Amino acid sequence: MSLIKIYKDELALAGKHVEIFDGSIIPVDALEEFKNLVETYGWLTKEQILKTKLYKANKEWVEKLIDKGFEIIDIGDPYKLIESVFYEMEKLLIFGN
């Protein structure tokens, strides 16, 4: 996420309105639930993640961007450390793949 914030800052300096799924965009209860699940189970399975408030909030946020006609810039997965259930959902909704 730190690289995404760098891109956000650079785009903002270039005069773009930039919104990322971070900070006040994320419902507090969704963050708390996710944090508690990670503390309880450690690594979460895809099935567990799909049931979280955080996943649902992320999905609703992406759908809002699409509905409002936002220009969406995909920087890809520059670190390629792990597969992200969140990123995969975002790509599917935005690009259909």
N, C-alpha and C. Protein backbone atom coordinates (compact mmCIF):
# COMPACT_ATOMS: atom_id res chain seq x y z
N MET A 1 0.82 -1.19 0.00
CA MET A 1 0.00 0.00 0.00
C MET A 1 0.87 1.26 0.00
N SER A 2 2.08 1.19 0.53
CA SER A 2 2.91 2.39 0.58
C SER A 2 3.23 2.92 -0.82
N LEU A 3 3.43 2.02 -1.78
CA LEU A 3 3.71 2.46 -3.15
C LEU A 3 2.47 3.14 -3.75
N ILE A 4 1.31 2.63 -3.41
CA ILE A 4 0.06 3.25 -3.89
C ILE A 4 -0.05 4.67 -3.36
N LYS A 5 0.33 4.87 -2.11
CA LYS A 5 0.27 6.22 -1.52
C LYS A 5 1.26 7.16 -2.21
N ILE A 6 2.38 6.65 -2.63
CA ILE A 6 3.36 7.47 -3.36
C ILE A 6 2.76 7.90 -4.70
N TYR A 7 2.15 6.96 -5.41
CA TYR A 7 1.49 7.30 -6.68
C TYR A 7 0.37 8.30 -6.44
N LYS A 8 -0.39 8.10 -5.38
CA LYS A 8 -1.48 9.02 -5.04
C LYS A 8 -0.94 10.43 -4.87
N ASP A 9 0.13 10.56 -4.10
CA ASP A 9 0.72 11.88 -3.85
C ASP A 9 1.22 12.52 -5.14
N GLU A 10 1.85 11.73 -6.00
CA GLU A 10 2.37 12.25 -7.26
C GLU A 10 1.23 12.71 -8.18
N LEU A 11 0.17 11.92 -8.24
CA LEU A 11 -0.97 12.30 -9.07
C LEU A 11 -1.66 13.55 -8.52
N ALA A 12 -1.75 13.65 -7.20
CA ALA A 12 -2.34 14.83 -6.57
C ALA A 12 -1.50 16.07 -6.89
N LEU A 13 -0.19 15.94 -6.87
CA LEU A 13 0.68 17.06 -7.22
C LEU A 13 0.49 17.49 -8.67
N ALA A 14 0.09 16.53 -9.51
CA ALA A 14 -0.17 16.83 -10.92
C ALA A 14 -1.58 17.38 -11.14
N GLY A 15 -2.31 17.59 -10.04
CA GLY A 15 -3.63 18.20 -10.14
C GLY A 15 -4.80 17.23 -10.24
N LYS A 16 -4.54 15.95 -10.06
CA LYS A 16 -5.61 14.95 -10.13
C LYS A 16 -6.29 14.81 -8.77
N HIS A 17 -7.61 14.60 -8.79
CA HIS A 17 -8.33 14.21 -7.57
C HIS A 17 -8.13 12.71 -7.44
N VAL A 18 -7.54 12.28 -6.34
CA VAL A 18 -7.20 10.87 -6.18
C VAL A 18 -7.87 10.31 -4.94
N GLU A 19 -8.47 9.15 -5.12
CA GLU A 19 -9.09 8.47 -3.99
C GLU A 19 -8.57 7.04 -3.98
N ILE A 20 -8.09 6.61 -2.82
CA ILE A 20 -7.68 5.23 -2.65
C ILE A 20 -8.46 4.64 -1.47
N PHE A 21 -8.54 3.33 -1.44
CA PHE A 21 -9.27 2.65 -0.37
C PHE A 21 -8.37 2.62 0.86
N ASP A 22 -8.45 3.71 1.62
CA ASP A 22 -7.57 3.90 2.77
C ASP A 22 -8.18 4.97 3.67
N GLY A 23 -7.68 5.08 4.88
CA GLY A 23 -8.09 6.15 5.78
C GLY A 23 -9.58 6.20 6.03
N SER A 24 -10.14 7.39 5.91
CA SER A 24 -11.55 7.60 6.25
C SER A 24 -12.51 6.94 5.26
N ILE A 25 -12.00 6.47 4.14
CA ILE A 25 -12.83 5.74 3.17
C ILE A 25 -13.30 4.41 3.77
N ILE A 26 -12.48 3.82 4.62
CA ILE A 26 -12.77 2.50 5.17
C ILE A 26 -13.57 2.64 6.46
N PRO A 27 -14.71 1.96 6.56
CA PRO A 27 -15.49 2.00 7.80
C PRO A 27 -14.69 1.44 8.97
N VAL A 28 -14.76 2.13 10.10
CA VAL A 28 -14.00 1.74 11.29
C VAL A 28 -14.36 0.33 11.72
N ASP A 29 -15.64 -0.01 11.70
CA ASP A 29 -16.04 -1.35 12.14
C ASP A 29 -15.48 -2.44 11.24
N ALA A 30 -15.31 -2.13 9.96
CA ALA A 30 -14.73 -3.10 9.03
C ALA A 30 -13.25 -3.34 9.36
N LEU A 31 -12.54 -2.28 9.67
CA LEU A 31 -11.13 -2.42 10.07
C LEU A 31 -10.98 -3.19 11.37
N GLU A 32 -11.83 -2.87 12.32
CA GLU A 32 -11.78 -3.56 13.62
C GLU A 32 -12.07 -5.05 13.48
N GLU A 33 -13.10 -5.36 12.70
CA GLU A 33 -13.43 -6.77 12.49
C GLU A 33 -12.26 -7.51 11.85
N PHE A 34 -11.67 -6.91 10.82
CA PHE A 34 -10.57 -7.56 10.11
C PHE A 34 -9.36 -7.75 11.04
N LYS A 35 -9.05 -6.71 11.79
CA LYS A 35 -7.93 -6.79 12.73
C LYS A 35 -8.16 -7.91 13.74
N ASN A 36 -9.37 -8.00 14.27
CA ASN A 36 -9.69 -9.05 15.24
C ASN A 36 -9.58 -10.44 14.63
N LEU A 37 -10.03 -10.58 13.39
CA LEU A 37 -9.93 -11.88 12.72
C LEU A 37 -8.48 -12.28 12.52
N VAL A 38 -7.66 -11.34 12.11
CA VAL A 38 -6.23 -11.63 11.90
C VAL A 38 -5.57 -11.99 13.22
N GLU A 39 -5.92 -11.27 14.28
CA GLU A 39 -5.35 -11.59 15.60
C GLU A 39 -5.78 -12.97 16.07
N THR A 40 -6.99 -13.36 15.74
CA THR A 40 -7.52 -14.65 16.17
C THR A 40 -6.99 -15.80 15.34
N TYR A 41 -7.00 -15.64 14.00
CA TYR A 41 -6.66 -16.75 13.11
C TYR A 41 -5.30 -16.64 12.44
N GLY A 42 -4.68 -15.47 12.52
CA GLY A 42 -3.43 -15.29 11.78
C GLY A 42 -3.76 -15.06 10.32
N TRP A 43 -3.24 -15.90 9.45
CA TRP A 43 -3.49 -15.79 8.02
C TRP A 43 -4.93 -16.19 7.73
N LEU A 44 -5.66 -15.34 6.99
CA LEU A 44 -7.05 -15.64 6.66
C LEU A 44 -7.14 -16.32 5.30
N THR A 45 -8.05 -17.27 5.20
CA THR A 45 -8.29 -17.94 3.92
C THR A 45 -9.12 -17.01 3.03
N LYS A 46 -9.15 -17.34 1.75
CA LYS A 46 -9.96 -16.57 0.81
C LYS A 46 -11.42 -16.59 1.24
N GLU A 47 -11.90 -17.73 1.68
CA GLU A 47 -13.29 -17.87 2.10
C GLU A 47 -13.59 -16.97 3.30
N GLN A 48 -12.65 -16.87 4.24
CA GLN A 48 -12.84 -15.99 5.40
C GLN A 48 -12.85 -14.53 4.96
N ILE A 49 -11.95 -14.17 4.09
CA ILE A 49 -11.85 -12.78 3.62
C ILE A 49 -13.13 -12.35 2.91
N LEU A 50 -13.66 -13.22 2.08
CA LEU A 50 -14.86 -12.90 1.30
C LEU A 50 -16.06 -12.56 2.20
N LYS A 51 -16.05 -13.02 3.43
CA LYS A 51 -17.16 -12.79 4.36
C LYS A 51 -16.97 -11.55 5.23
N THR A 52 -15.84 -10.87 5.10
CA THR A 52 -15.55 -9.75 6.00
C THR A 52 -16.22 -8.46 5.55
N LYS A 53 -16.43 -7.59 6.52
CA LYS A 53 -16.96 -6.26 6.25
C LYS A 53 -15.98 -5.45 5.41
N LEU A 54 -14.69 -5.69 5.62
CA LEU A 54 -13.66 -4.97 4.87
C LEU A 54 -13.74 -5.30 3.38
N TYR A 55 -13.91 -6.57 3.07
CA TYR A 55 -14.04 -6.98 1.67
C TYR A 55 -15.28 -6.36 1.05
N LYS A 56 -16.39 -6.42 1.77
CA LYS A 56 -17.65 -5.85 1.26
C LYS A 56 -17.53 -4.34 1.07
N ALA A 57 -16.87 -3.66 2.00
CA ALA A 57 -16.68 -2.21 1.88
C ALA A 57 -15.80 -1.88 0.68
N ASN A 58 -14.75 -2.67 0.46
CA ASN A 58 -13.86 -2.45 -0.68
C ASN A 58 -14.63 -2.64 -1.99
N LYS A 59 -15.45 -3.67 -2.05
CA LYS A 59 -16.25 -3.95 -3.24
C LYS A 59 -17.23 -2.79 -3.51
N GLU A 60 -17.90 -2.32 -2.47
CA GLU A 60 -18.83 -1.20 -2.63
C GLU A 60 -18.11 0.06 -3.09
N TRP A 61 -16.91 0.28 -2.60
CA TRP A 61 -16.12 1.44 -2.99
C TRP A 61 -15.76 1.37 -4.48
N VAL A 62 -15.31 0.20 -4.94
CA VAL A 62 -14.98 0.04 -6.36
C VAL A 62 -16.22 0.25 -7.22
N GLU A 63 -17.33 -0.31 -6.80
CA GLU A 63 -18.58 -0.14 -7.56
C GLU A 63 -18.98 1.33 -7.63
N LYS A 64 -18.75 2.08 -6.55
CA LYS A 64 -19.04 3.52 -6.54
C LYS A 64 -18.17 4.25 -7.57
N LEU A 65 -16.89 3.91 -7.60
CA LEU A 65 -15.98 4.54 -8.57
C LEU A 65 -16.45 4.28 -10.00
N ILE A 66 -16.84 3.06 -10.26
CA ILE A 66 -17.31 2.70 -11.60
C ILE A 66 -18.59 3.46 -11.92
N ASP A 67 -19.55 3.44 -11.00
CA ASP A 67 -20.84 4.11 -11.22
C ASP A 67 -20.69 5.61 -11.44
N LYS A 68 -19.73 6.23 -10.77
CA LYS A 68 -19.55 7.67 -10.89
C LYS A 68 -18.61 8.05 -12.04
N GLY A 69 -18.12 7.05 -12.74
CA GLY A 69 -17.30 7.33 -13.92
C GLY A 69 -15.89 7.80 -13.61
N PHE A 70 -15.34 7.43 -12.46
CA PHE A 70 -13.97 7.80 -12.13
C PHE A 70 -12.99 7.21 -13.13
N GLU A 71 -11.93 7.94 -13.42
CA GLU A 71 -10.82 7.36 -14.18
C GLU A 71 -10.06 6.49 -13.19
N ILE A 72 -9.88 5.24 -13.52
CA ILE A 72 -9.21 4.30 -12.61
C ILE A 72 -7.86 3.95 -13.19
N ILE A 73 -6.83 4.18 -12.42
CA ILE A 73 -5.47 3.89 -12.85
C ILE A 73 -4.98 2.68 -12.06
N ASP A 74 -4.65 1.64 -12.78
CA ASP A 74 -4.17 0.41 -12.15
C ASP A 74 -2.65 0.36 -12.27
N ILE A 75 -1.98 0.40 -11.14
CA ILE A 75 -0.52 0.32 -11.17
C ILE A 75 -0.03 -1.12 -11.11
N GLY A 76 -0.98 -2.04 -11.09
CA GLY A 76 -0.62 -3.45 -11.05
C GLY A 76 -0.23 -3.87 -9.65
N ASP A 77 0.50 -4.94 -9.58
CA ASP A 77 0.97 -5.49 -8.31
C ASP A 77 2.49 -5.46 -8.34
N PRO A 78 3.07 -4.30 -8.02
CA PRO A 78 4.51 -4.14 -8.23
C PRO A 78 5.39 -5.06 -7.38
N TYR A 79 4.90 -5.46 -6.22
CA TYR A 79 5.73 -6.30 -5.35
C TYR A 79 5.56 -7.79 -5.64
N LYS A 80 4.38 -8.19 -6.13
CA LYS A 80 4.09 -9.58 -6.47
C LYS A 80 4.49 -10.53 -5.35
N LEU A 81 4.21 -10.12 -4.11
CA LEU A 81 4.57 -10.94 -2.96
C LEU A 81 3.56 -12.06 -2.73
N ILE A 82 2.29 -11.69 -2.76
CA ILE A 82 1.23 -12.67 -2.52
C ILE A 82 0.03 -12.32 -3.38
N GLU A 83 -0.82 -13.29 -3.60
CA GLU A 83 -2.07 -13.03 -4.31
C GLU A 83 -3.00 -12.29 -3.35
N SER A 84 -3.63 -11.23 -3.82
CA SER A 84 -4.54 -10.45 -2.99
C SER A 84 -5.98 -10.69 -3.43
N VAL A 85 -6.79 -11.19 -2.52
CA VAL A 85 -8.20 -11.41 -2.79
C VAL A 85 -8.86 -10.07 -3.11
N PHE A 86 -8.44 -9.01 -2.43
CA PHE A 86 -9.00 -7.68 -2.66
C PHE A 86 -8.66 -7.18 -4.06
N TYR A 87 -7.40 -7.26 -4.43
CA TYR A 87 -6.96 -6.77 -5.74
C TYR A 87 -7.60 -7.58 -6.87
N GLU A 88 -7.72 -8.88 -6.70
CA GLU A 88 -8.35 -9.72 -7.71
C GLU A 88 -9.80 -9.31 -7.93
N MET A 89 -10.52 -9.00 -6.85
CA MET A 89 -11.90 -8.55 -6.95
C MET A 89 -11.96 -7.21 -7.68
N GLU A 90 -11.06 -6.29 -7.32
CA GLU A 90 -11.04 -4.98 -7.96
C GLU A 90 -10.82 -5.11 -9.47
N LYS A 91 -9.85 -5.93 -9.87
CA LYS A 91 -9.58 -6.11 -11.30
C LYS A 91 -10.78 -6.71 -12.02
N LEU A 92 -11.42 -7.66 -11.40
CA LEU A 92 -12.58 -8.31 -12.02
C LEU A 92 -13.71 -7.30 -12.23
N LEU A 93 -13.97 -6.49 -11.22
CA LEU A 93 -15.05 -5.50 -11.34
C LEU A 93 -14.71 -4.41 -12.37
N ILE A 94 -13.47 -3.95 -12.35
CA ILE A 94 -13.08 -2.82 -13.21
C ILE A 94 -12.82 -3.26 -14.65
N PHE A 95 -12.08 -4.33 -14.81
CA PHE A 95 -11.62 -4.73 -16.14
C PHE A 95 -12.26 -6.00 -16.67
N GLY A 96 -12.98 -6.72 -15.80
CA GLY A 96 -13.63 -7.94 -16.22
C GLY A 96 -12.70 -9.12 -16.38
N ASN A 97 -11.47 -9.01 -15.82
CA ASN A 97 -10.53 -10.15 -15.91
C ASN A 97 -9.71 -10.28 -14.66
